[in-house]
N, C-alpha and C. Protein backbone atom coordinates (compact mmCIF):
# COMPACT_ATOMS: atom_id res chain seq x y z
N MET A 1 149.79 258.13 126.68
CA MET A 1 150.36 256.80 126.54
C MET A 1 151.54 256.67 127.50
N HIS A 2 151.66 255.50 128.12
CA HIS A 2 152.77 255.24 129.03
C HIS A 2 154.04 254.95 128.26
N SER A 3 155.17 255.04 128.92
CA SER A 3 156.45 254.78 128.29
C SER A 3 156.53 253.36 127.73
N THR A 4 155.96 252.40 128.42
CA THR A 4 155.98 251.02 127.93
C THR A 4 155.21 250.94 126.62
N ASP A 5 154.10 251.62 126.55
CA ASP A 5 153.32 251.65 125.32
C ASP A 5 154.09 252.34 124.20
N ASP A 6 154.78 253.42 124.54
CA ASP A 6 155.60 254.12 123.55
C ASP A 6 156.69 253.20 123.01
N PHE A 7 157.34 252.48 123.91
CA PHE A 7 158.40 251.56 123.50
C PHE A 7 157.85 250.49 122.57
N ARG A 8 156.73 249.92 122.92
CA ARG A 8 156.12 248.87 122.08
C ARG A 8 155.73 249.42 120.72
N PHE A 9 155.15 250.61 120.69
CA PHE A 9 154.74 251.21 119.44
C PHE A 9 155.94 251.48 118.53
N LYS A 10 156.98 252.12 119.09
CA LYS A 10 158.18 252.41 118.30
C LYS A 10 158.87 251.13 117.86
N SER A 11 158.94 250.18 118.77
CA SER A 11 159.56 248.90 118.45
C SER A 11 158.84 248.24 117.28
N ASN A 12 157.53 248.26 117.31
CA ASN A 12 156.74 247.66 116.24
C ASN A 12 157.01 248.36 114.91
N GLN A 13 157.14 249.68 114.92
CA GLN A 13 157.43 250.42 113.69
C GLN A 13 158.78 249.99 113.10
N PHE A 14 159.80 249.90 113.94
CA PHE A 14 161.12 249.47 113.47
C PHE A 14 161.07 248.05 112.93
N LEU A 15 160.38 247.17 113.63
CA LEU A 15 160.31 245.77 113.20
C LEU A 15 159.52 245.60 111.91
N LEU A 16 158.49 246.41 111.72
CA LEU A 16 157.73 246.35 110.46
C LEU A 16 158.62 246.72 109.27
N GLU A 17 159.42 247.77 109.42
CA GLU A 17 160.31 248.17 108.34
C GLU A 17 161.39 247.13 108.11
N LEU A 18 161.95 246.58 109.18
CA LEU A 18 162.97 245.54 109.03
C LEU A 18 162.38 244.30 108.35
N ASP A 19 161.17 243.93 108.72
CA ASP A 19 160.52 242.79 108.09
C ASP A 19 160.25 243.05 106.61
N ALA A 20 159.79 244.25 106.28
CA ALA A 20 159.53 244.59 104.88
C ALA A 20 160.82 244.58 104.07
N ALA A 21 161.89 245.11 104.63
CA ALA A 21 163.18 245.12 103.94
C ALA A 21 163.71 243.71 103.73
N THR A 22 163.56 242.86 104.74
CA THR A 22 164.00 241.47 104.63
C THR A 22 163.18 240.73 103.57
N THR A 23 161.89 240.94 103.58
CA THR A 23 161.01 240.30 102.59
C THR A 23 161.38 240.73 101.18
N GLU A 24 161.66 242.01 101.00
CA GLU A 24 162.06 242.50 99.68
C GLU A 24 163.35 241.81 99.21
N MET A 25 164.33 241.70 100.10
CA MET A 25 165.58 241.04 99.73
C MET A 25 165.35 239.57 99.41
N MET A 26 164.52 238.89 100.17
CA MET A 26 164.27 237.48 99.92
C MET A 26 163.53 237.27 98.60
N MET A 27 162.71 238.22 98.20
CA MET A 27 162.06 238.13 96.89
C MET A 27 163.11 238.20 95.78
N PHE A 28 164.09 239.07 95.95
CA PHE A 28 165.17 239.15 94.97
C PHE A 28 166.01 237.88 94.97
N VAL A 29 166.26 237.32 96.13
CA VAL A 29 167.02 236.07 96.21
C VAL A 29 166.27 234.96 95.49
N SER A 30 164.98 234.84 95.74
CA SER A 30 164.21 233.76 95.12
C SER A 30 164.12 233.92 93.61
N SER A 31 164.22 235.14 93.13
CA SER A 31 164.19 235.36 91.67
C SER A 31 165.60 235.46 91.08
N ARG A 32 166.60 235.14 91.91
CA ARG A 32 168.01 235.13 91.51
C ARG A 32 168.49 236.48 90.98
N GLU A 33 167.97 237.54 91.58
CA GLU A 33 168.37 238.90 91.22
C GLU A 33 169.17 239.49 92.38
N THR A 34 170.40 239.02 92.53
CA THR A 34 171.22 239.44 93.67
C THR A 34 172.39 240.34 93.23
N THR A 35 172.23 240.98 92.11
CA THR A 35 173.18 241.98 91.66
C THR A 35 172.39 243.10 91.00
N GLY A 36 173.04 244.21 90.79
CA GLY A 36 172.40 245.32 90.10
C GLY A 36 171.86 246.38 91.04
N GLU A 37 171.29 247.40 90.43
CA GLU A 37 170.83 248.56 91.18
C GLU A 37 169.69 248.24 92.14
N ARG A 38 168.72 247.44 91.69
CA ARG A 38 167.59 247.11 92.59
C ARG A 38 168.06 246.33 93.81
N TRP A 39 168.99 245.41 93.60
CA TRP A 39 169.55 244.65 94.72
C TRP A 39 170.30 245.57 95.68
N ALA A 40 171.10 246.47 95.11
CA ALA A 40 171.88 247.41 95.94
C ALA A 40 170.95 248.27 96.78
N LEU A 41 169.87 248.76 96.19
CA LEU A 41 168.91 249.58 96.94
C LEU A 41 168.23 248.77 98.03
N ALA A 42 167.85 247.54 97.72
CA ALA A 42 167.22 246.68 98.72
C ALA A 42 168.19 246.37 99.85
N SER A 43 169.43 246.14 99.51
CA SER A 43 170.45 245.86 100.51
C SER A 43 170.69 247.08 101.42
N GLN A 44 170.72 248.25 100.82
CA GLN A 44 170.88 249.48 101.60
C GLN A 44 169.68 249.70 102.52
N ARG A 45 168.49 249.42 102.01
CA ARG A 45 167.28 249.57 102.83
C ARG A 45 167.33 248.62 104.02
N HIS A 46 167.73 247.38 103.77
CA HIS A 46 167.80 246.39 104.84
C HIS A 46 168.85 246.80 105.88
N CYS A 47 169.99 247.25 105.40
CA CYS A 47 171.06 247.69 106.31
C CYS A 47 170.59 248.86 107.18
N ALA A 48 169.92 249.83 106.56
CA ALA A 48 169.42 250.99 107.31
C ALA A 48 168.34 250.58 108.31
N ALA A 49 167.46 249.66 107.92
CA ALA A 49 166.41 249.20 108.83
C ALA A 49 167.00 248.48 110.03
N TYR A 50 168.00 247.63 109.77
CA TYR A 50 168.63 246.92 110.88
C TYR A 50 169.39 247.89 111.78
N ALA A 51 170.10 248.83 111.19
CA ALA A 51 170.85 249.81 111.99
C ALA A 51 169.91 250.64 112.87
N ALA A 52 168.76 251.03 112.31
CA ALA A 52 167.79 251.81 113.09
C ALA A 52 167.23 250.98 114.24
N TRP A 53 166.89 249.72 113.96
CA TRP A 53 166.39 248.82 115.01
C TRP A 53 167.45 248.62 116.08
N ASN A 54 168.67 248.33 115.67
CA ASN A 54 169.76 248.09 116.61
C ASN A 54 170.02 249.31 117.49
N SER A 55 170.02 250.48 116.88
CA SER A 55 170.23 251.71 117.64
C SER A 55 169.11 251.92 118.66
N PHE A 56 167.87 251.70 118.23
CA PHE A 56 166.73 251.87 119.12
C PHE A 56 166.78 250.89 120.28
N ILE A 57 167.01 249.64 119.98
CA ILE A 57 166.94 248.61 121.02
C ILE A 57 168.10 248.71 122.00
N ASN A 58 169.19 249.32 121.59
CA ASN A 58 170.37 249.43 122.46
C ASN A 58 170.53 250.80 123.10
N GLU A 59 169.49 251.62 123.03
CA GLU A 59 169.52 252.89 123.75
C GLU A 59 169.59 252.60 125.24
N PRO A 60 170.23 253.48 125.98
CA PRO A 60 170.25 253.27 127.45
C PRO A 60 168.83 253.15 128.00
N ALA A 61 168.68 252.26 128.92
CA ALA A 61 167.34 252.00 129.50
C ALA A 61 166.84 253.22 130.24
N LYS A 62 165.55 253.48 130.04
CA LYS A 62 164.87 254.55 130.76
C LYS A 62 163.81 253.91 131.64
N PRO A 63 163.61 254.39 132.83
CA PRO A 63 162.58 253.80 133.67
C PRO A 63 161.20 253.97 133.04
N PHE A 64 160.40 252.91 133.08
CA PHE A 64 159.07 252.95 132.50
C PHE A 64 158.08 253.50 133.52
N ALA A 65 157.16 254.30 133.02
CA ALA A 65 156.05 254.77 133.85
C ALA A 65 154.91 253.76 133.70
N GLU A 66 154.52 253.16 134.73
CA GLU A 66 153.45 252.15 134.67
C GLU A 66 152.12 252.78 134.96
């Protein structure tokens, strides 16, 4: 696999987790469950998913092999 393909694959993995974490939080919001242990865990998951995505996307650029 080329570097561009690797980047796309990894990027998709991070975005899938971020999307799942966001969806979980929005389900709690819609059910008015924005306090308690389940909310705290969902919030931590979302924070970790965003931090992982942000870290990945802001890594120093590497030249792609085409």
